[in-house]
Amino acid sequence: MHFYPHICPDGIRILMSELCNKHFTISMTSSRSHVHHRFSRDEDNRLLELVRSFGTNQWERVGSLMNRSARQCKDRYELFISPDIRHDPWTATEDEQLLRCQEQFGRRWPYIAQYFSGRSPMQLKNRWIKLDRARRK
């Protein structure tokens, strides 16, 4: 069946509505439901303690002691709470460098992170989004 927007826009709207409803039903009945639980301050402190005890190569062990997956613990540590990550305000020089790197390398945040001391790929992405929004205004 072919739809031509200039002839029958209602037909397209109905078709799109049906497709969206089917997708919604499938996604809602999927057996793969993901519930996201944020890390609490206590969990962050516990994670730091466990990493000090076991190091950064024992994520399965750390995850089991945290009742989290190894991936969750590794990502939380490496992207947010590692002592190697800086949390001080961004400088104008860093902002300029970030904009240049993103223009040159695209959104390859882990690759761009090598040009920044103490900034995680997640910090770079979030900062770039903020700068990009400000530029568009």
N, C-alpha and C. Protein backbone atom coordinates (compact mmCIF):
# COMPACT_ATOMS: atom_id res chain seq x y z
N MET A 1 0.84 -1.16 0.00
CA MET A 1 0.00 0.00 0.00
C MET A 1 0.90 1.24 0.00
N HIS A 2 0.66 2.18 -0.84
CA HIS A 2 1.45 3.41 -0.95
C HIS A 2 0.66 4.58 -0.40
N PHE A 3 1.35 5.43 0.31
CA PHE A 3 0.74 6.66 0.82
C PHE A 3 1.48 7.85 0.23
N TYR A 4 0.74 8.82 -0.17
CA TYR A 4 1.33 10.04 -0.71
C TYR A 4 0.93 11.17 0.22
N PRO A 5 1.89 11.81 0.88
CA PRO A 5 1.56 12.81 1.90
C PRO A 5 0.68 13.94 1.39
N HIS A 6 0.86 14.36 0.15
CA HIS A 6 0.05 15.47 -0.34
C HIS A 6 -1.38 15.03 -0.65
N ILE A 7 -1.62 13.72 -0.72
CA ILE A 7 -2.96 13.23 -1.03
C ILE A 7 -3.69 12.79 0.24
N CYS A 8 -3.01 12.03 1.10
CA CYS A 8 -3.73 11.48 2.26
C CYS A 8 -2.88 11.57 3.54
N PRO A 9 -2.71 12.77 4.09
CA PRO A 9 -1.93 12.89 5.31
C PRO A 9 -2.56 12.16 6.50
N ASP A 10 -3.89 12.03 6.53
CA ASP A 10 -4.53 11.32 7.63
C ASP A 10 -4.15 9.84 7.62
N GLY A 11 -4.05 9.27 6.42
CA GLY A 11 -3.66 7.87 6.32
C GLY A 11 -2.28 7.63 6.88
N ILE A 12 -1.38 8.56 6.64
CA ILE A 12 -0.03 8.42 7.18
C ILE A 12 -0.06 8.55 8.69
N ARG A 13 -0.82 9.52 9.18
CA ARG A 13 -0.91 9.68 10.63
C ARG A 13 -1.46 8.42 11.29
N ILE A 14 -2.46 7.83 10.68
CA ILE A 14 -3.04 6.60 11.23
C ILE A 14 -2.02 5.47 11.18
N LEU A 15 -1.32 5.32 10.05
CA LEU A 15 -0.32 4.28 9.92
C LEU A 15 0.79 4.46 10.95
N MET A 16 1.29 5.68 11.09
CA MET A 16 2.35 5.94 12.06
C MET A 16 1.87 5.66 13.48
N SER A 17 0.63 6.04 13.77
CA SER A 17 0.06 5.79 15.09
C SER A 17 0.02 4.29 15.38
N GLU A 18 -0.40 3.50 14.38
CA GLU A 18 -0.46 2.05 14.55
C GLU A 18 0.94 1.48 14.79
N LEU A 19 1.92 1.94 14.02
CA LEU A 19 3.29 1.45 14.19
C LEU A 19 3.83 1.81 15.56
N CYS A 20 3.59 3.04 16.02
CA CYS A 20 4.06 3.46 17.32
C CYS A 20 3.41 2.63 18.43
N ASN A 21 2.11 2.38 18.30
CA ASN A 21 1.43 1.58 19.31
C ASN A 21 1.97 0.16 19.35
N LYS A 22 2.27 -0.43 18.19
CA LYS A 22 2.84 -1.78 18.17
C LYS A 22 4.20 -1.80 18.82
N HIS A 23 5.03 -0.79 18.51
CA HIS A 23 6.36 -0.73 19.10
C HIS A 23 6.26 -0.57 20.61
N PHE A 24 5.36 0.30 21.04
CA PHE A 24 5.19 0.54 22.47
C PHE A 24 4.77 -0.73 23.18
N THR A 25 3.84 -1.46 22.59
CA THR A 25 3.38 -2.71 23.20
C THR A 25 4.51 -3.72 23.27
N ILE A 26 5.28 -3.83 22.20
CA ILE A 26 6.38 -4.79 22.19
C ILE A 26 7.41 -4.41 23.24
N SER A 27 7.76 -3.12 23.30
CA SER A 27 8.79 -2.72 24.26
C SER A 27 8.30 -2.84 25.69
N MET A 28 7.01 -2.65 25.91
CA MET A 28 6.48 -2.76 27.26
C MET A 28 6.35 -4.21 27.71
N THR A 29 6.17 -5.12 26.77
CA THR A 29 6.01 -6.52 27.14
C THR A 29 7.31 -7.29 27.02
N SER A 30 8.37 -6.62 26.66
CA SER A 30 9.65 -7.29 26.50
C SER A 30 10.12 -7.83 27.84
N SER A 31 10.79 -8.97 27.79
CA SER A 31 11.30 -9.57 29.02
C SER A 31 12.56 -8.87 29.50
N ARG A 32 13.12 -7.99 28.70
CA ARG A 32 14.36 -7.31 29.06
C ARG A 32 14.02 -5.93 29.63
N SER A 33 13.57 -5.91 30.87
CA SER A 33 13.26 -4.62 31.48
C SER A 33 14.47 -4.18 32.29
N HIS A 34 14.85 -2.94 32.13
CA HIS A 34 16.00 -2.39 32.83
C HIS A 34 15.52 -1.35 33.81
N VAL A 35 15.83 -1.56 35.06
CA VAL A 35 15.52 -0.59 36.08
C VAL A 35 16.84 0.02 36.51
N HIS A 36 16.93 1.33 36.42
CA HIS A 36 18.16 2.01 36.76
C HIS A 36 18.09 2.52 38.19
N HIS A 37 19.07 2.12 38.98
CA HIS A 37 19.18 2.59 40.35
C HIS A 37 20.45 3.40 40.46
N ARG A 38 20.31 4.65 40.83
CA ARG A 38 21.47 5.50 40.96
C ARG A 38 22.33 5.04 42.12
N PHE A 39 23.60 5.30 42.00
CA PHE A 39 24.51 5.02 43.10
C PHE A 39 24.30 6.07 44.18
N SER A 40 24.18 5.62 45.41
CA SER A 40 24.05 6.55 46.53
C SER A 40 25.45 7.00 46.97
N ARG A 41 25.50 7.99 47.81
CA ARG A 41 26.79 8.45 48.34
C ARG A 41 27.47 7.32 49.12
N ASP A 42 26.68 6.57 49.88
CA ASP A 42 27.25 5.44 50.63
C ASP A 42 27.83 4.39 49.69
N GLU A 43 27.12 4.12 48.58
CA GLU A 43 27.63 3.16 47.60
C GLU A 43 28.92 3.66 46.95
N ASP A 44 28.98 4.96 46.66
CA ASP A 44 30.21 5.52 46.10
C ASP A 44 31.38 5.33 47.07
N ASN A 45 31.14 5.61 48.34
CA ASN A 45 32.20 5.44 49.35
C ASN A 45 32.61 3.98 49.47
N ARG A 46 31.64 3.09 49.46
CA ARG A 46 31.94 1.64 49.53
C ARG A 46 32.72 1.21 48.30
N LEU A 47 32.33 1.70 47.14
CA LEU A 47 33.04 1.36 45.90
C LEU A 47 34.49 1.84 45.97
N LEU A 48 34.72 3.04 46.45
CA LEU A 48 36.09 3.54 46.60
C LEU A 48 36.90 2.66 47.54
N GLU A 49 36.29 2.24 48.64
CA GLU A 49 36.98 1.35 49.58
C GLU A 49 37.34 0.02 48.92
N LEU A 50 36.40 -0.56 48.21
CA LEU A 50 36.64 -1.85 47.57
C LEU A 50 37.72 -1.75 46.49
N VAL A 51 37.73 -0.66 45.75
CA VAL A 51 38.75 -0.49 44.72
C VAL A 51 40.12 -0.30 45.37
N ARG A 52 40.17 0.40 46.51
CA ARG A 52 41.44 0.52 47.23
C ARG A 52 41.93 -0.85 47.69
N SER A 53 40.99 -1.71 48.09
CA SER A 53 41.36 -3.04 48.59
C SER A 53 41.73 -4.01 47.48
N PHE A 54 40.94 -4.03 46.41
CA PHE A 54 41.11 -5.05 45.37
C PHE A 54 41.75 -4.53 44.08
N GLY A 55 41.85 -3.23 43.91
CA GLY A 55 42.42 -2.67 42.69
C GLY A 55 41.40 -2.56 41.58
N THR A 56 41.89 -2.17 40.40
CA THR A 56 40.98 -1.91 39.27
C THR A 56 40.92 -3.07 38.29
N ASN A 57 41.32 -4.25 38.70
CA ASN A 57 41.23 -5.42 37.83
C ASN A 57 40.33 -6.51 38.41
N GLN A 58 39.62 -6.20 39.47
CA GLN A 58 38.77 -7.19 40.14
C GLN A 58 37.30 -6.76 40.13
N TRP A 59 36.81 -6.34 38.97
CA TRP A 59 35.46 -5.78 38.91
C TRP A 59 34.37 -6.80 39.21
N GLU A 60 34.58 -8.06 38.85
CA GLU A 60 33.58 -9.09 39.17
C GLU A 60 33.44 -9.23 40.69
N ARG A 61 34.55 -9.26 41.36
CA ARG A 61 34.54 -9.38 42.82
C ARG A 61 33.91 -8.14 43.46
N VAL A 62 34.32 -6.97 43.01
CA VAL A 62 33.77 -5.72 43.55
C VAL A 62 32.27 -5.66 43.30
N GLY A 63 31.86 -6.01 42.08
CA GLY A 63 30.44 -5.99 41.75
C GLY A 63 29.62 -6.91 42.63
N SER A 64 30.13 -8.10 42.89
CA SER A 64 29.37 -9.04 43.73
C SER A 64 29.26 -8.52 45.16
N LEU A 65 30.29 -7.86 45.66
CA LEU A 65 30.23 -7.30 47.01
C LEU A 65 29.33 -6.06 47.09
N MET A 66 29.13 -5.41 45.95
CA MET A 66 28.28 -4.21 45.90
C MET A 66 26.84 -4.54 45.52
N ASN A 67 26.56 -5.78 45.15
CA ASN A 67 25.26 -6.17 44.61
C ASN A 67 24.94 -5.37 43.35
N ARG A 68 25.96 -5.17 42.54
CA ARG A 68 25.87 -4.47 41.26
C ARG A 68 26.64 -5.31 40.26
N SER A 69 26.45 -4.99 38.99
CA SER A 69 27.23 -5.70 37.98
C SER A 69 28.65 -5.15 37.96
N ALA A 70 29.55 -5.96 37.46
CA ALA A 70 30.94 -5.53 37.32
C ALA A 70 31.01 -4.28 36.44
N ARG A 71 30.22 -4.27 35.38
CA ARG A 71 30.21 -3.15 34.44
C ARG A 71 29.75 -1.86 35.11
N GLN A 72 28.69 -1.96 35.93
CA GLN A 72 28.20 -0.78 36.64
C GLN A 72 29.27 -0.20 37.55
N CYS A 73 29.95 -1.07 38.28
CA CYS A 73 30.98 -0.61 39.21
C CYS A 73 32.17 0.00 38.47
N LYS A 74 32.60 -0.67 37.43
CA LYS A 74 33.74 -0.18 36.65
C LYS A 74 33.42 1.18 36.03
N ASP A 75 32.26 1.31 35.41
CA ASP A 75 31.87 2.57 34.78
C ASP A 75 31.72 3.68 35.81
N ARG A 76 31.07 3.38 36.93
CA ARG A 76 30.88 4.40 37.96
C ARG A 76 32.23 4.90 38.46
N TYR A 77 33.14 3.98 38.69
CA TYR A 77 34.46 4.36 39.18
C TYR A 77 35.24 5.15 38.13
N GLU A 78 35.37 4.60 36.95
CA GLU A 78 36.23 5.21 35.93
C GLU A 78 35.66 6.51 35.36
N LEU A 79 34.36 6.64 35.30
CA LEU A 79 33.76 7.81 34.67
C LEU A 79 33.36 8.91 35.66
N PHE A 80 33.22 8.57 36.94
CA PHE A 80 32.68 9.56 37.86
C PHE A 80 33.46 9.75 39.16
N ILE A 81 33.87 8.69 39.83
CA ILE A 81 34.39 8.88 41.19
C ILE A 81 35.87 8.55 41.38
N SER A 82 36.55 8.19 40.35
CA SER A 82 37.98 7.93 40.46
C SER A 82 38.70 9.17 40.98
N PRO A 83 39.67 8.98 41.88
CA PRO A 83 40.43 10.13 42.36
C PRO A 83 41.22 10.83 41.25
N ASP A 84 41.40 10.16 40.13
CA ASP A 84 42.12 10.75 39.00
C ASP A 84 41.28 11.76 38.22
N ILE A 85 39.99 11.79 38.47
CA ILE A 85 39.09 12.68 37.73
C ILE A 85 39.00 14.02 38.45
N ARG A 86 39.19 15.06 37.68
CA ARG A 86 39.08 16.42 38.21
C ARG A 86 37.62 16.85 38.25
N HIS A 87 37.27 17.57 39.30
CA HIS A 87 35.91 18.09 39.42
C HIS A 87 35.90 19.61 39.56
N ASP A 88 37.05 20.23 39.27
CA ASP A 88 37.13 21.69 39.34
C ASP A 88 36.45 22.30 38.12
N PRO A 89 36.12 23.58 38.19
CA PRO A 89 35.44 24.24 37.05
C PRO A 89 36.30 24.19 35.78
N TRP A 90 35.61 24.17 34.65
CA TRP A 90 36.29 24.16 33.36
C TRP A 90 36.87 25.53 33.08
N THR A 91 38.04 25.55 32.47
CA THR A 91 38.67 26.82 32.09
C THR A 91 38.28 27.16 30.65
N ALA A 92 38.46 28.42 30.28
CA ALA A 92 38.18 28.85 28.91
C ALA A 92 39.10 28.12 27.93
N THR A 93 40.33 27.87 28.35
CA THR A 93 41.29 27.15 27.51
C THR A 93 40.80 25.72 27.25
N GLU A 94 40.31 25.07 28.29
CA GLU A 94 39.78 23.71 28.12
C GLU A 94 38.57 23.71 27.19
N ASP A 95 37.70 24.69 27.35
CA ASP A 95 36.52 24.79 26.49
C ASP A 95 36.93 24.93 25.02
N GLU A 96 37.89 25.81 24.76
CA GLU A 96 38.37 26.00 23.39
C GLU A 96 38.99 24.73 22.83
N GLN A 97 39.79 24.07 23.66
CA GLN A 97 40.43 22.83 23.23
C GLN A 97 39.38 21.75 22.95
N LEU A 98 38.37 21.67 23.80
CA LEU A 98 37.31 20.69 23.60
C LEU A 98 36.57 20.93 22.29
N LEU A 99 36.24 22.18 22.02
CA LEU A 99 35.54 22.49 20.77
C LEU A 99 36.40 22.14 19.55
N ARG A 100 37.70 22.44 19.62
CA ARG A 100 38.59 22.09 18.51
C ARG A 100 38.70 20.58 18.33
N CYS A 101 38.87 19.86 19.43
CA CYS A 101 39.00 18.40 19.35
C CYS A 101 37.72 17.76 18.80
N GLN A 102 36.57 18.24 19.27
CA GLN A 102 35.31 17.67 18.80
C GLN A 102 35.13 17.94 17.31
N GLU A 103 35.53 19.12 16.87
CA GLU A 103 35.42 19.44 15.45
C GLU A 103 36.33 18.54 14.61
N GLN A 104 37.50 18.24 15.16
CA GLN A 104 38.47 17.42 14.43
C GLN A 104 38.16 15.92 14.50
N PHE A 105 37.74 15.43 15.67
CA PHE A 105 37.59 13.98 15.87
C PHE A 105 36.14 13.52 16.00
N GLY A 106 35.21 14.45 15.98
CA GLY A 106 33.81 14.06 16.14
C GLY A 106 33.50 13.74 17.59
N ARG A 107 32.57 12.84 17.80
CA ARG A 107 32.12 12.52 19.16
C ARG A 107 32.80 11.27 19.69
N ARG A 108 34.06 11.17 19.45
CA ARG A 108 34.86 10.03 19.95
C ARG A 108 35.45 10.42 21.30
N TRP A 109 34.60 10.50 22.32
CA TRP A 109 34.98 11.04 23.62
C TRP A 109 36.13 10.28 24.28
N PRO A 110 36.15 8.95 24.25
CA PRO A 110 37.31 8.27 24.85
C PRO A 110 38.63 8.64 24.15
N TYR A 111 38.58 8.82 22.85
CA TYR A 111 39.78 9.22 22.12
C TYR A 111 40.17 10.65 22.48
N ILE A 112 39.20 11.55 22.54
CA ILE A 112 39.46 12.95 22.86
C ILE A 112 39.99 13.09 24.29
N ALA A 113 39.58 12.19 25.18
CA ALA A 113 40.00 12.28 26.58
C ALA A 113 41.52 12.25 26.75
N GLN A 114 42.23 11.66 25.80
CA GLN A 114 43.69 11.60 25.93
C GLN A 114 44.32 12.99 25.84
N TYR A 115 43.59 13.96 25.33
CA TYR A 115 44.10 15.33 25.22
C TYR A 115 43.78 16.17 26.46
N PHE A 116 43.09 15.57 27.43
CA PHE A 116 42.69 16.29 28.64
C PHE A 116 43.17 15.53 29.87
N SER A 117 43.84 16.23 30.72
CA SER A 117 44.34 15.63 31.95
C SER A 117 43.24 15.65 33.02
N GLY A 118 42.85 14.47 33.48
CA GLY A 118 41.91 14.39 34.58
C GLY A 118 40.44 14.59 34.22
N ARG A 119 40.11 14.57 32.96
CA ARG A 119 38.71 14.69 32.55
C ARG A 119 38.27 13.38 31.92
N SER A 120 37.13 12.87 32.35
CA SER A 120 36.62 11.60 31.82
C SER A 120 35.90 11.84 30.50
N PRO A 121 35.76 10.79 29.69
CA PRO A 121 34.99 10.93 28.45
C PRO A 121 33.57 11.44 28.69
N MET A 122 32.95 11.03 29.78
CA MET A 122 31.60 11.47 30.11
C MET A 122 31.59 12.96 30.42
N GLN A 123 32.61 13.45 31.13
CA GLN A 123 32.69 14.88 31.41
C GLN A 123 32.84 15.67 30.12
N LEU A 124 33.66 15.15 29.20
CA LEU A 124 33.87 15.82 27.93
C LEU A 124 32.57 15.92 27.14
N LYS A 125 31.86 14.81 27.08
CA LYS A 125 30.59 14.79 26.34
C LYS A 125 29.60 15.78 26.94
N ASN A 126 29.45 15.73 28.26
CA ASN A 126 28.49 16.62 28.92
C ASN A 126 28.87 18.09 28.75
N ARG A 127 30.17 18.39 28.84
CA ARG A 127 30.61 19.76 28.68
C ARG A 127 30.38 20.23 27.24
N TRP A 128 30.68 19.35 26.28
CA TRP A 128 30.48 19.72 24.88
C TRP A 128 29.00 20.02 24.60
N ILE A 129 28.11 19.21 25.14
CA ILE A 129 26.68 19.43 24.96
C ILE A 129 26.30 20.81 25.50
N LYS A 130 26.81 21.15 26.67
CA LYS A 130 26.50 22.45 27.27
C LYS A 130 27.03 23.59 26.40
N LEU A 131 28.27 23.46 25.92
CA LEU A 131 28.85 24.50 25.07
C LEU A 131 28.10 24.61 23.74
N ASP A 132 27.72 23.47 23.19
CA ASP A 132 27.01 23.46 21.91
C ASP A 132 25.64 24.14 22.04
N ARG A 133 24.94 23.87 23.11
CA ARG A 133 23.65 24.51 23.34
C ARG A 133 23.80 26.02 23.48
N ALA A 134 24.84 26.43 24.19
CA ALA A 134 25.08 27.88 24.37
C ALA A 134 25.40 28.55 23.04
N ARG A 135 26.13 27.85 22.18
CA ARG A 135 26.48 28.41 20.87
C ARG A 135 25.25 28.56 19.99
N ARG A 136 24.30 27.64 20.10
CA ARG A 136 23.10 27.65 19.25
C ARG A 136 22.10 28.74 19.65
N LYS A 137 22.20 29.24 20.86
CA LYS A 137 21.24 30.28 21.32
C LYS A 137 21.50 31.61 20.68
